């Protein structure tokens, strides 16, 4: 047997273990040669890995630097991804990929069921999704805090983390008219109207013309 043929047989044996088959053509497959494991969400990967964008999406070490792909209604995400709070994220494929009690609906994970008023969109799955100084809690990004002023509108500082939007102990409003001309009454709290994030102050963002606490992911 020639040295070239011996080399080919050794390479083929290794490729069989990875791909379940071996031909000269599939040695150019980048997913095989780079030993990439396909995935849909982070939970498809190992504890020290994350699901990153690709063709298809694949598992990579959490230390890998990834650049978030931005999206809007006018600039949708590439195939296999969905837009969640302005960031392209790998679409889920089944309820099981959304974790215990989760539901996969049109590529997005929800917790707490899918009934109107009950379902919650899962915005993040790990702290790395939320950026510096923020933590992923119950599927949304919460800012770290030491006092209430560290948090956004209608939030409280509980155990060092800003809570989800809560109704105040004493209602600020019942109708929009109680808040003034440039506010909207949401969950008994007056929220300023806006056209840009800058108008909403720290820890908030402009959500469809109304300032709200920023629970969005950054990556």
N, C-alpha and C. Protein backbone atom coordinates (compact mmCIF):
# COMPACT_ATOMS: atom_id res chain seq x y z
N UNK A 1 0.85 -1.20 0.00
CA UNK A 1 0.00 0.00 0.00
C UNK A 1 0.88 1.25 0.00
N UNK A 2 0.57 2.20 -0.85
CA UNK A 2 1.37 3.41 -0.93
C UNK A 2 1.14 4.28 0.30
N UNK A 3 2.10 5.18 0.54
CA UNK A 3 1.96 6.09 1.69
C UNK A 3 0.71 6.96 1.55
N UNK A 4 0.38 7.40 0.32
CA UNK A 4 -0.80 8.25 0.09
C UNK A 4 -2.07 7.50 0.44
N UNK A 5 -2.17 6.21 0.00
CA UNK A 5 -3.37 5.43 0.30
C UNK A 5 -3.49 5.15 1.80
N UNK A 6 -2.35 4.89 2.46
CA UNK A 6 -2.38 4.65 3.90
C UNK A 6 -2.88 5.89 4.64
N UNK A 7 -2.43 7.06 4.19
CA UNK A 7 -2.87 8.32 4.80
C UNK A 7 -4.37 8.50 4.62
N UNK A 8 -4.86 8.18 3.40
CA UNK A 8 -6.29 8.33 3.12
C UNK A 8 -7.14 7.40 3.97
N UNK A 9 -6.70 6.17 4.18
CA UNK A 9 -7.48 5.23 4.97
C UNK A 9 -7.54 5.68 6.43
N UNK A 10 -6.43 6.20 6.95
CA UNK A 10 -6.42 6.69 8.33
C UNK A 10 -7.36 7.88 8.48
N UNK A 11 -7.33 8.78 7.52
CA UNK A 11 -8.22 9.96 7.55
C UNK A 11 -9.66 9.53 7.46
N UNK A 12 -9.93 8.54 6.61
CA UNK A 12 -11.30 8.07 6.42
C UNK A 12 -11.85 7.46 7.70
N UNK A 13 -11.01 6.69 8.42
CA UNK A 13 -11.44 6.08 9.67
C UNK A 13 -11.86 7.15 10.68
N UNK A 14 -11.07 8.22 10.77
CA UNK A 14 -11.40 9.32 11.68
C UNK A 14 -12.69 9.99 11.27
N UNK A 15 -12.88 10.19 9.97
CA UNK A 15 -14.09 10.88 9.50
C UNK A 15 -15.32 10.03 9.71
N UNK A 16 -15.19 8.71 9.63
CA UNK A 16 -16.33 7.84 9.87
C UNK A 16 -16.88 8.03 11.27
N UNK A 17 -15.99 8.20 12.24
CA UNK A 17 -16.42 8.38 13.62
C UNK A 17 -17.19 9.67 13.80
N UNK A 18 -16.85 10.69 13.03
CA UNK A 18 -17.50 11.99 13.16
C UNK A 18 -18.77 12.10 12.36
N UNK A 19 -18.79 11.56 11.16
CA UNK A 19 -19.90 11.84 10.24
C UNK A 19 -20.72 10.62 9.89
N UNK A 20 -20.35 9.42 10.34
CA UNK A 20 -21.13 8.24 10.02
C UNK A 20 -20.92 7.77 8.60
N UNK A 21 -19.95 8.29 7.89
CA UNK A 21 -19.68 7.88 6.51
C UNK A 21 -18.46 8.60 6.02
N UNK A 22 -17.86 8.09 4.94
CA UNK A 22 -16.64 8.73 4.47
C UNK A 22 -16.51 8.64 2.97
N UNK A 23 -16.44 9.79 2.33
CA UNK A 23 -16.16 9.85 0.89
C UNK A 23 -15.16 10.96 0.70
N UNK A 24 -14.50 10.98 -0.43
CA UNK A 24 -13.54 12.05 -0.68
C UNK A 24 -14.24 13.41 -0.72
N UNK A 25 -15.51 13.41 -1.13
CA UNK A 25 -16.22 14.69 -1.24
C UNK A 25 -16.47 15.33 0.12
N UNK A 26 -16.81 14.53 1.17
CA UNK A 26 -17.23 15.16 2.41
C UNK A 26 -16.07 15.65 3.25
N UNK A 27 -14.83 15.48 2.82
CA UNK A 27 -13.70 16.01 3.58
C UNK A 27 -13.63 17.53 3.48
N UNK A 28 -14.39 18.13 2.56
CA UNK A 28 -14.42 19.59 2.44
C UNK A 28 -15.55 20.20 3.23
N UNK A 29 -16.34 19.38 3.92
CA UNK A 29 -17.46 19.87 4.72
C UNK A 29 -16.92 20.54 5.97
N UNK A 30 -17.09 21.87 6.12
CA UNK A 30 -16.50 22.61 7.23
C UNK A 30 -17.06 22.16 8.57
N UNK A 31 -18.35 21.72 8.62
CA UNK A 31 -18.91 21.28 9.87
C UNK A 31 -18.25 20.01 10.37
N UNK A 32 -17.80 19.15 9.42
CA UNK A 32 -17.14 17.91 9.80
C UNK A 32 -15.69 18.18 10.19
N UNK A 33 -14.96 18.89 9.34
CA UNK A 33 -13.54 19.10 9.60
C UNK A 33 -13.31 19.95 10.83
N UNK A 34 -14.23 20.84 11.18
CA UNK A 34 -14.08 21.66 12.37
C UNK A 34 -14.74 21.03 13.59
N UNK A 35 -15.28 19.81 13.40
CA UNK A 35 -15.92 19.08 14.50
C UNK A 35 -17.01 19.90 15.18
N UNK A 36 -17.84 20.60 14.40
CA UNK A 36 -18.90 21.43 14.94
C UNK A 36 -20.14 20.60 15.22
N UNK A 37 -20.76 20.83 16.36
CA UNK A 37 -21.99 20.14 16.73
C UNK A 37 -23.16 21.08 16.47
N UNK A 38 -24.10 20.73 15.57
CA UNK A 38 -25.24 21.61 15.27
C UNK A 38 -26.10 21.83 16.52
N UNK A 39 -26.79 22.97 16.59
CA UNK A 39 -27.64 23.28 17.74
C UNK A 39 -28.73 24.25 17.33
N UNK A 40 -29.73 24.39 18.21
CA UNK A 40 -30.79 25.38 18.03
C UNK A 40 -30.75 26.43 19.13
N UNK A 41 -30.50 25.99 20.36
CA UNK A 41 -30.42 26.89 21.51
C UNK A 41 -29.24 26.47 22.38
N UNK A 42 -28.88 27.31 23.36
CA UNK A 42 -27.72 27.04 24.22
C UNK A 42 -27.83 25.70 24.93
N UNK A 43 -29.06 25.29 25.30
CA UNK A 43 -29.24 24.05 26.05
C UNK A 43 -28.94 22.81 25.23
N UNK A 44 -28.80 22.95 23.91
CA UNK A 44 -28.40 21.81 23.08
C UNK A 44 -26.92 21.51 23.22
N UNK A 45 -26.16 22.43 23.83
CA UNK A 45 -24.71 22.31 23.93
C UNK A 45 -24.30 21.91 25.34
N UNK A 46 -23.01 21.68 25.53
CA UNK A 46 -22.49 21.36 26.84
C UNK A 46 -22.55 22.55 27.78
N UNK A 47 -22.28 22.30 29.08
CA UNK A 47 -22.39 23.35 30.09
C UNK A 47 -21.38 24.47 29.88
N UNK A 48 -20.28 24.17 29.19
CA UNK A 48 -19.26 25.19 28.95
C UNK A 48 -19.31 25.73 27.53
N UNK A 49 -20.46 25.51 26.84
CA UNK A 49 -20.60 25.94 25.46
C UNK A 49 -21.86 26.77 25.26
N UNK A 50 -21.94 27.44 24.11
CA UNK A 50 -23.11 28.20 23.73
C UNK A 50 -23.42 27.94 22.26
N UNK A 51 -24.66 28.20 21.86
CA UNK A 51 -25.07 28.03 20.47
C UNK A 51 -24.84 29.36 19.74
N UNK A 52 -23.97 29.34 18.73
CA UNK A 52 -23.64 30.56 17.99
C UNK A 52 -24.14 30.46 16.56
N UNK A 53 -24.29 31.62 15.93
CA UNK A 53 -24.83 31.68 14.58
C UNK A 53 -23.88 31.09 13.56
N UNK A 54 -24.45 30.38 12.59
CA UNK A 54 -23.66 29.80 11.50
C UNK A 54 -24.59 29.15 10.50
N UNK A 55 -24.04 28.36 9.60
CA UNK A 55 -24.85 27.64 8.60
C UNK A 55 -24.46 26.16 8.62
N UNK A 56 -25.04 25.33 9.52
CA UNK A 56 -26.08 25.72 10.49
C UNK A 56 -25.47 26.30 11.75
N UNK A 57 -26.35 26.69 12.73
CA UNK A 57 -25.85 27.14 14.03
C UNK A 57 -25.08 26.01 14.69
N UNK A 58 -24.06 26.32 15.50
CA UNK A 58 -23.23 25.27 16.08
C UNK A 58 -22.77 25.64 17.50
N UNK A 59 -22.38 24.62 18.26
CA UNK A 59 -21.90 24.81 19.62
C UNK A 59 -20.45 25.30 19.61
N UNK A 60 -20.14 26.27 20.47
CA UNK A 60 -18.79 26.80 20.58
C UNK A 60 -18.53 27.14 22.03
N UNK A 61 -17.26 27.18 22.46
CA UNK A 61 -16.95 27.54 23.84
C UNK A 61 -17.53 28.89 24.21
N UNK A 62 -17.97 29.05 25.45
CA UNK A 62 -18.55 30.30 25.90
C UNK A 62 -17.56 31.45 25.86
N UNK A 63 -16.29 31.13 25.81
CA UNK A 63 -15.29 32.19 25.75
C UNK A 63 -15.16 32.76 24.34
N UNK A 64 -15.80 32.10 23.35
CA UNK A 64 -15.73 32.59 21.98
C UNK A 64 -16.43 33.95 21.88
N UNK A 65 -15.78 34.92 21.28
CA UNK A 65 -16.37 36.25 21.11
C UNK A 65 -17.32 36.24 19.92
N UNK A 66 -18.58 36.57 20.14
CA UNK A 66 -19.55 36.61 19.07
C UNK A 66 -20.12 38.02 18.96
N UNK A 67 -20.42 38.43 17.76
CA UNK A 67 -20.99 39.75 17.52
C UNK A 67 -22.48 39.60 17.30
N UNK A 68 -23.27 40.27 18.14
CA UNK A 68 -24.72 40.16 18.03
C UNK A 68 -25.19 40.74 16.70
N UNK A 69 -26.07 40.02 16.03
CA UNK A 69 -26.65 40.48 14.78
C UNK A 69 -27.94 41.22 15.10
N UNK A 70 -28.02 42.49 14.75
CA UNK A 70 -29.18 43.31 15.05
C UNK A 70 -30.30 43.01 14.05
N UNK A 71 -31.53 43.24 14.48
CA UNK A 71 -32.67 43.00 13.59
C UNK A 71 -33.79 43.98 13.89
N UNK A 72 -34.60 44.24 12.88
CA UNK A 72 -35.80 45.07 13.01
C UNK A 72 -36.87 44.45 12.12
N UNK A 73 -38.06 45.03 12.15
CA UNK A 73 -39.13 44.54 11.28
C UNK A 73 -38.74 44.69 9.82
N UNK A 74 -37.93 45.72 9.52
CA UNK A 74 -37.51 45.95 8.14
C UNK A 74 -36.23 45.20 7.80
N UNK A 75 -35.53 44.70 8.80
CA UNK A 75 -34.28 43.97 8.58
C UNK A 75 -34.32 42.68 9.38
N UNK A 76 -35.00 41.65 8.86
CA UNK A 76 -35.18 40.40 9.59
C UNK A 76 -33.90 39.58 9.71
N UNK A 77 -33.97 38.52 10.49
CA UNK A 77 -32.82 37.66 10.73
C UNK A 77 -32.65 36.64 9.60
N UNK A 78 -31.44 36.08 9.46
CA UNK A 78 -31.22 35.02 8.46
C UNK A 78 -31.98 33.76 8.84
N UNK A 79 -32.04 32.80 7.93
CA UNK A 79 -32.76 31.56 8.16
C UNK A 79 -32.30 30.83 9.40
N UNK A 80 -33.25 30.24 10.13
CA UNK A 80 -32.92 29.50 11.34
C UNK A 80 -32.82 30.36 12.58
N UNK A 81 -33.08 31.68 12.44
CA UNK A 81 -33.01 32.58 13.58
C UNK A 81 -34.28 33.42 13.67
N UNK A 82 -34.56 33.92 14.87
CA UNK A 82 -35.70 34.80 15.10
C UNK A 82 -35.22 36.07 15.80
N UNK A 83 -35.99 37.12 15.65
CA UNK A 83 -35.63 38.41 16.26
C UNK A 83 -36.26 38.52 17.65
N UNK A 84 -35.42 38.67 18.67
CA UNK A 84 -35.89 38.84 20.04
C UNK A 84 -35.27 40.10 20.61
N UNK A 85 -36.09 41.07 20.89
CA UNK A 85 -35.67 42.39 21.41
C UNK A 85 -34.52 42.97 20.60
N UNK A 86 -34.61 42.88 19.28
CA UNK A 86 -33.64 43.52 18.40
C UNK A 86 -32.37 42.73 18.15
N UNK A 87 -32.29 41.48 18.64
CA UNK A 87 -31.11 40.63 18.46
C UNK A 87 -31.54 39.33 17.79
N UNK A 88 -30.77 38.88 16.78
CA UNK A 88 -31.05 37.60 16.12
C UNK A 88 -30.59 36.46 17.02
N UNK A 89 -31.50 35.51 17.27
CA UNK A 89 -31.24 34.38 18.15
C UNK A 89 -31.65 33.10 17.44
N UNK A 90 -30.89 32.02 17.68
CA UNK A 90 -31.23 30.74 17.08
C UNK A 90 -32.65 30.33 17.48
N UNK A 91 -33.47 29.95 16.49
CA UNK A 91 -34.87 29.58 16.75
C UNK A 91 -34.94 28.23 17.46
N UNK A 92 -35.89 28.09 18.39
CA UNK A 92 -36.12 26.80 19.02
C UNK A 92 -36.85 25.90 18.02
N UNK A 93 -36.76 24.60 18.25
CA UNK A 93 -37.39 23.65 17.33
C UNK A 93 -38.44 22.79 18.01
N UNK A 94 -38.45 22.76 19.34
CA UNK A 94 -39.43 21.95 20.07
C UNK A 94 -39.55 22.47 21.49
N UNK A 95 -40.61 22.06 22.19
CA UNK A 95 -40.80 22.48 23.58
C UNK A 95 -39.62 22.05 24.45
N UNK A 96 -39.07 20.87 24.17
CA UNK A 96 -37.98 20.35 24.99
C UNK A 96 -36.73 21.23 24.92
N UNK A 97 -36.56 21.95 23.82
CA UNK A 97 -35.38 22.82 23.70
C UNK A 97 -35.53 24.12 24.48
N UNK A 98 -36.71 24.34 25.08
CA UNK A 98 -36.96 25.56 25.86
C UNK A 98 -36.85 25.34 27.36
N UNK A 99 -36.45 24.14 27.78
CA UNK A 99 -36.28 23.88 29.19
C UNK A 99 -37.57 23.44 29.86
N UNK A 100 -37.50 23.06 31.14
CA UNK A 100 -38.69 22.58 31.87
C UNK A 100 -39.82 23.60 31.87
N UNK A 101 -41.00 23.17 31.47
CA UNK A 101 -42.17 24.04 31.47
C UNK A 101 -42.23 25.02 30.34
N UNK A 102 -41.23 25.02 29.45
CA UNK A 102 -41.19 25.98 28.35
C UNK A 102 -41.98 25.51 27.14
N UNK A 103 -42.36 26.46 26.30
CA UNK A 103 -43.10 26.16 25.08
C UNK A 103 -42.42 26.85 23.90
N UNK A 104 -42.26 26.12 22.81
CA UNK A 104 -41.67 26.68 21.59
C UNK A 104 -42.80 27.07 20.65
N UNK A 105 -42.95 28.37 20.39
CA UNK A 105 -44.02 28.88 19.53
C UNK A 105 -43.39 29.72 18.43
N UNK A 106 -43.49 29.25 17.19
CA UNK A 106 -42.95 29.96 16.03
C UNK A 106 -41.48 30.34 16.24
N UNK A 107 -40.70 29.40 16.77
CA UNK A 107 -39.27 29.60 16.91
C UNK A 107 -38.83 30.33 18.16
N UNK A 108 -39.79 30.77 19.00
CA UNK A 108 -39.45 31.50 20.23
C UNK A 108 -39.88 30.71 21.46
N UNK A 109 -39.06 30.75 22.50
CA UNK A 109 -39.38 30.06 23.75
C UNK A 109 -40.21 30.95 24.66
N UNK A 110 -41.22 30.34 25.28
CA UNK A 110 -42.06 31.04 26.26
C UNK A 110 -42.09 30.21 27.54
N UNK A 111 -42.17 30.89 28.67
CA UNK A 111 -42.31 30.20 29.95
C UNK A 111 -43.66 30.55 30.54
N UNK A 112 -44.22 29.64 31.32
CA UNK A 112 -45.49 29.92 31.97
C UNK A 112 -46.71 29.68 31.10
N UNK A 113 -46.58 28.88 30.04
CA UNK A 113 -47.72 28.59 29.18
C UNK A 113 -47.84 29.55 28.03
N UNK A 114 -48.88 29.36 27.22
CA UNK A 114 -49.06 30.19 26.04
C UNK A 114 -50.38 30.96 26.03
N UNK A 115 -51.13 30.91 27.16
CA UNK A 115 -52.39 31.64 27.23
C UNK A 115 -52.12 33.13 27.30
N UNK A 116 -53.02 33.91 26.73
CA UNK A 116 -52.87 35.37 26.73
C UNK A 116 -52.82 35.88 28.17
N UNK A 117 -51.84 36.73 28.44
CA UNK A 117 -51.70 37.28 29.78
C UNK A 117 -50.88 36.42 30.71
N UNK A 118 -50.51 35.21 30.27
CA UNK A 118 -49.74 34.29 31.10
C UNK A 118 -48.35 34.05 30.52
N UNK A 119 -48.29 33.89 29.22
CA UNK A 119 -47.03 33.53 28.59
C UNK A 119 -46.00 34.65 28.71
N UNK A 120 -44.74 34.25 28.89
CA UNK A 120 -43.64 35.20 28.96
C UNK A 120 -42.58 34.79 27.95
N UNK A 121 -42.21 35.72 27.08
CA UNK A 121 -41.16 35.46 26.11
C UNK A 121 -39.84 35.31 26.84
N UNK A 122 -39.11 34.23 26.54
CA UNK A 122 -37.80 34.02 27.13
C UNK A 122 -36.79 34.86 26.33
N UNK A 123 -36.30 35.92 26.94
CA UNK A 123 -35.39 36.85 26.26
C UNK A 123 -33.94 36.39 26.39
N UNK A 124 -33.60 35.80 27.52
CA UNK A 124 -32.23 35.35 27.75
C UNK A 124 -32.22 33.96 28.36
N UNK A 125 -31.11 33.26 28.20
CA UNK A 125 -30.96 31.94 28.81
C UNK A 125 -29.74 31.87 29.72
N UNK A 126 -28.86 32.87 29.66
CA UNK A 126 -27.69 32.91 30.52
C UNK A 126 -27.23 34.36 30.69
N UNK A 127 -26.42 34.61 31.72
CA UNK A 127 -25.98 35.97 32.02
C UNK A 127 -25.24 36.62 30.87
N UNK A 128 -24.52 35.80 30.09
CA UNK A 128 -23.73 36.34 28.97
C UNK A 128 -24.61 37.05 27.94
N UNK A 129 -25.90 36.70 27.89
CA UNK A 129 -26.82 37.35 26.95
C UNK A 129 -27.11 38.80 27.33
N UNK A 130 -26.87 39.15 28.59
CA UNK A 130 -27.38 40.42 29.13
C UNK A 130 -26.36 41.54 29.23
N UNK A 131 -25.09 41.25 29.10
CA UNK A 131 -24.09 42.30 29.16
C UNK A 131 -23.62 42.60 30.58
N UNK A 132 -22.64 43.47 30.69
CA UNK A 132 -22.01 43.81 31.96
C UNK A 132 -23.00 44.42 32.96
N UNK A 133 -22.96 43.95 34.20
CA UNK A 133 -23.78 44.52 35.26
C UNK A 133 -25.22 44.08 35.24
N UNK A 134 -25.55 43.07 34.41
CA UNK A 134 -26.92 42.59 34.35
C UNK A 134 -26.94 41.07 34.46
N UNK A 135 -28.07 40.53 34.92
CA UNK A 135 -28.21 39.10 35.18
C UNK A 135 -29.46 38.57 34.50
N UNK A 136 -29.38 37.35 33.98
CA UNK A 136 -30.56 36.72 33.38
C UNK A 136 -31.38 36.07 34.49
N UNK A 137 -32.58 36.59 34.72
CA UNK A 137 -33.47 36.09 35.78
C UNK A 137 -34.83 35.78 35.15
N UNK A 138 -35.24 34.52 35.25
CA UNK A 138 -36.56 34.11 34.75
C UNK A 138 -36.77 34.52 33.30
N UNK A 139 -35.72 34.45 32.49
CA UNK A 139 -35.86 34.70 31.06
C UNK A 139 -35.77 36.15 30.63
N UNK A 140 -35.47 37.07 31.56
CA UNK A 140 -35.31 38.47 31.18
C UNK A 140 -34.05 39.03 31.84
N UNK A 141 -33.48 40.07 31.22
CA UNK A 141 -32.25 40.66 31.72
C UNK A 141 -32.55 41.71 32.78
N UNK A 142 -31.99 41.52 33.98
CA UNK A 142 -32.22 42.45 35.09
C UNK A 142 -30.91 43.10 35.50
N UNK A 143 -30.96 44.39 35.79
CA UNK A 143 -29.78 45.12 36.23
C UNK A 143 -29.44 44.79 37.68
N UNK A 144 -28.15 44.79 38.00
CA UNK A 144 -27.73 44.66 39.39
C UNK A 144 -28.02 45.97 40.10
N UNK A 145 -28.30 45.91 41.40
CA UNK A 145 -28.69 47.15 42.10
C UNK A 145 -28.34 47.08 43.58
N UNK A 146 -28.27 48.24 44.18
CA UNK A 146 -28.14 48.34 45.64
C UNK A 146 -29.26 49.20 46.21
N UNK A 147 -29.97 49.91 45.34
CA UNK A 147 -31.09 50.76 45.76
C UNK A 147 -32.06 50.90 44.59
N UNK A 148 -33.27 51.34 44.87
CA UNK A 148 -34.32 51.42 43.86
C UNK A 148 -33.95 52.30 42.68
N UNK A 149 -33.18 53.37 42.93
CA UNK A 149 -32.81 54.29 41.85
C UNK A 149 -31.87 53.66 40.82
N UNK A 150 -31.32 52.49 41.14
CA UNK A 150 -30.48 51.78 40.19
C UNK A 150 -31.31 51.04 39.14
N UNK A 151 -32.62 51.02 39.35
CA UNK A 151 -33.51 50.22 38.49
C UNK A 151 -34.35 51.11 37.57
N UNK A 152 -35.05 50.46 36.66
CA UNK A 152 -35.88 51.17 35.70
C UNK A 152 -37.27 51.45 36.23
N UNK A 153 -38.11 52.00 35.37
CA UNK A 153 -39.48 52.34 35.74
C UNK A 153 -40.24 51.11 36.23
N UNK A 154 -41.00 51.28 37.29
CA UNK A 154 -41.86 50.24 37.86
C UNK A 154 -41.10 49.02 38.37
N UNK A 155 -39.79 49.19 38.64
CA UNK A 155 -39.00 48.10 39.18
C UNK A 155 -38.60 48.40 40.63
N UNK A 156 -38.28 47.35 41.37
CA UNK A 156 -37.77 47.47 42.74
C UNK A 156 -36.47 46.71 42.83
N UNK A 157 -35.62 47.08 43.80
CA UNK A 157 -34.35 46.39 44.01
C UNK A 157 -34.55 45.32 45.06
N UNK A 158 -34.47 44.05 44.63
CA UNK A 158 -34.67 42.93 45.54
C UNK A 158 -33.46 42.00 45.50
N UNK A 159 -32.81 41.84 46.64
CA UNK A 159 -31.66 40.95 46.76
C UNK A 159 -30.58 41.26 45.74
N UNK A 160 -30.37 42.54 45.46
CA UNK A 160 -29.29 42.94 44.57
C UNK A 160 -29.60 42.90 43.10
N UNK A 161 -30.86 42.59 42.74
CA UNK A 161 -31.25 42.51 41.34
C UNK A 161 -32.57 43.24 41.14
N UNK A 162 -32.69 44.01 40.08
CA UNK A 162 -33.94 44.72 39.80
C UNK A 162 -35.03 43.73 39.43
N UNK A 163 -36.20 43.92 39.99
CA UNK A 163 -37.33 43.03 39.74
C UNK A 163 -37.94 43.27 38.37
N UNK A 164 -38.89 42.42 38.00
CA UNK A 164 -39.68 42.68 36.81
C UNK A 164 -40.58 43.88 37.10
N UNK A 165 -41.27 44.37 36.07
CA UNK A 165 -42.16 45.49 36.29
C UNK A 165 -43.29 45.09 37.24
N UNK A 166 -43.47 45.87 38.28
CA UNK A 166 -44.47 45.56 39.31
C UNK A 166 -45.43 46.73 39.50
N UNK A 167 -46.64 46.41 39.91
CA UNK A 167 -47.58 47.48 40.26
C UNK A 167 -47.12 48.07 41.59
N UNK A 168 -47.10 49.41 41.74
CA UNK A 168 -46.66 50.03 43.01
C UNK A 168 -47.63 49.73 44.14
N UNK A 169 -47.10 49.80 45.39
CA UNK A 169 -47.96 49.56 46.56
C UNK A 169 -49.12 50.55 46.58
N UNK A 170 -48.83 51.78 46.16
CA UNK A 170 -49.88 52.80 46.02
C UNK A 170 -49.97 53.18 44.55
N UNK A 171 -51.11 52.97 43.94
CA UNK A 171 -51.27 53.22 42.51
C UNK A 171 -51.00 54.68 42.17
N UNK A 172 -50.21 54.92 41.14
CA UNK A 172 -49.97 56.28 40.65
C UNK A 172 -51.11 56.73 39.75
N UNK A 173 -51.78 55.77 39.13
CA UNK A 173 -52.82 56.12 38.15
C UNK A 173 -53.75 54.95 37.91
N UNK A 174 -54.89 55.27 37.37
CA UNK A 174 -55.83 54.25 36.91
C UNK A 174 -56.10 54.43 35.41
N UNK A 175 -56.06 55.67 34.97
CA UNK A 175 -56.25 56.00 33.56
C UNK A 175 -55.12 56.92 33.09
N UNK A 176 -54.90 56.99 31.80
CA UNK A 176 -53.85 57.85 31.25
C UNK A 176 -54.02 59.30 31.68
N UNK A 177 -55.23 59.74 31.80
CA UNK A 177 -55.50 61.14 32.13
C UNK A 177 -54.94 61.53 33.49
N UNK A 178 -54.74 60.57 34.38
CA UNK A 178 -54.21 60.87 35.71
C UNK A 178 -52.72 61.17 35.66
N UNK A 179 -52.07 60.84 34.54
CA UNK A 179 -50.62 61.01 34.44
C UNK A 179 -50.20 62.30 33.75
N UNK A 180 -51.09 62.95 33.03
CA UNK A 180 -50.72 64.13 32.27
C UNK A 180 -50.71 63.83 30.78
N UNK A 181 -50.41 64.83 29.99
CA UNK A 181 -50.54 64.69 28.54
C UNK A 181 -49.41 63.88 27.89
N UNK A 182 -48.26 63.77 28.54
CA UNK A 182 -47.12 63.10 27.90
C UNK A 182 -46.78 61.79 28.60
N UNK A 183 -47.80 61.14 29.17
CA UNK A 183 -47.56 59.89 29.89
C UNK A 183 -48.62 58.86 29.53
N UNK A 184 -48.31 57.61 29.83
CA UNK A 184 -49.25 56.51 29.64
C UNK A 184 -49.32 55.73 30.95
N UNK A 185 -50.52 55.39 31.39
CA UNK A 185 -50.70 54.62 32.63
C UNK A 185 -50.59 53.14 32.30
N UNK A 186 -49.54 52.49 32.83
CA UNK A 186 -49.31 51.06 32.60
C UNK A 186 -49.11 50.38 33.95
N UNK A 187 -49.97 49.45 34.26
CA UNK A 187 -49.87 48.70 35.52
C UNK A 187 -49.80 49.64 36.73
N UNK A 188 -50.65 50.65 36.72
CA UNK A 188 -50.78 51.62 37.81
C UNK A 188 -49.57 52.53 37.99
N UNK A 189 -48.69 52.58 36.98
CA UNK A 189 -47.51 53.44 37.01
C UNK A 189 -47.52 54.37 35.80
N UNK A 190 -47.16 55.64 35.98
CA UNK A 190 -47.11 56.58 34.87
C UNK A 190 -45.79 56.43 34.12
N UNK A 191 -45.88 56.12 32.84
CA UNK A 191 -44.70 55.94 32.00
C UNK A 191 -44.64 57.09 30.98
N UNK A 192 -43.51 57.80 30.88
CA UNK A 192 -43.39 58.90 29.91
C UNK A 192 -43.50 58.41 28.46
N UNK A 193 -44.07 59.23 27.61
CA UNK A 193 -44.06 58.94 26.18
C UNK A 193 -42.69 59.34 25.62
N UNK A 194 -42.30 58.75 24.50
CA UNK A 194 -40.94 58.98 23.99
C UNK A 194 -40.87 58.70 22.49
N UNK A 195 -39.76 59.14 21.92
CA UNK A 195 -39.45 58.80 20.52
C UNK A 195 -38.05 58.21 20.40
N UNK A 196 -37.22 58.39 21.45
CA UNK A 196 -35.87 57.82 21.48
C UNK A 196 -35.56 57.31 22.88
N UNK A 197 -34.58 56.42 23.00
CA UNK A 197 -34.18 55.87 24.29
C UNK A 197 -33.66 56.96 25.23
N UNK A 198 -32.98 57.96 24.67
CA UNK A 198 -32.38 59.03 25.48
C UNK A 198 -33.42 59.71 26.35
N UNK A 199 -34.64 59.83 25.86
CA UNK A 199 -35.70 60.53 26.61
C UNK A 199 -36.16 59.75 27.84
N UNK A 200 -35.76 58.48 27.94
CA UNK A 200 -36.28 57.63 29.01
C UNK A 200 -35.37 57.53 30.22
N UNK A 201 -34.14 58.02 30.10
CA UNK A 201 -33.22 57.97 31.23
C UNK A 201 -32.56 56.62 31.41
N UNK A 202 -31.68 56.54 32.42
CA UNK A 202 -30.92 55.32 32.68
C UNK A 202 -31.83 54.14 33.01
N UNK A 203 -31.42 52.96 32.57
CA UNK A 203 -32.08 51.69 32.88
C UNK A 203 -33.42 51.50 32.17
N UNK A 204 -33.77 52.41 31.25
CA UNK A 204 -35.03 52.30 30.53
C UNK A 204 -34.77 52.40 29.02
N UNK A 205 -35.78 52.09 28.22
CA UNK A 205 -35.68 52.28 26.78
C UNK A 205 -37.05 52.66 26.24
N UNK A 206 -37.05 53.18 25.01
CA UNK A 206 -38.29 53.62 24.39
C UNK A 206 -38.91 52.44 23.64
N UNK A 207 -40.01 51.93 24.16
CA UNK A 207 -40.67 50.75 23.61
C UNK A 207 -41.98 51.15 22.96
N UNK A 208 -41.96 51.25 21.63
CA UNK A 208 -43.18 51.61 20.87
C UNK A 208 -43.79 52.92 21.36
N UNK A 209 -42.91 53.90 21.64
CA UNK A 209 -43.38 55.22 22.02
C UNK A 209 -43.61 55.43 23.49
N UNK A 210 -43.29 54.42 24.33
CA UNK A 210 -43.49 54.52 25.78
C UNK A 210 -42.21 54.06 26.49
N UNK A 211 -41.76 54.81 27.49
CA UNK A 211 -40.58 54.41 28.26
C UNK A 211 -40.92 53.24 29.18
N UNK A 212 -40.04 52.23 29.15
CA UNK A 212 -40.22 51.07 30.03
C UNK A 212 -38.84 50.59 30.50
N UNK A 213 -38.82 49.82 31.59
CA UNK A 213 -37.58 49.25 32.11
C UNK A 213 -36.96 48.38 31.02
N UNK A 214 -35.63 48.47 30.89
CA UNK A 214 -34.92 47.76 29.82
C UNK A 214 -34.59 46.34 30.27
N UNK A 215 -35.32 45.36 29.76
CA UNK A 215 -35.09 43.95 30.06
C UNK A 215 -34.48 43.22 28.87
N UNK A 216 -34.05 43.97 27.85
CA UNK A 216 -33.57 43.37 26.61
C UNK A 216 -32.21 42.70 26.77
N UNK A 217 -31.95 41.74 25.91
CA UNK A 217 -30.63 41.12 25.84
C UNK A 217 -29.73 41.96 24.95
N UNK A 218 -28.43 41.83 25.12
CA UNK A 218 -27.47 42.57 24.31
C UNK A 218 -26.67 41.65 23.40
N UNK A 219 -26.76 40.35 23.63
CA UNK A 219 -25.99 39.39 22.82
C UNK A 219 -26.74 38.07 22.71
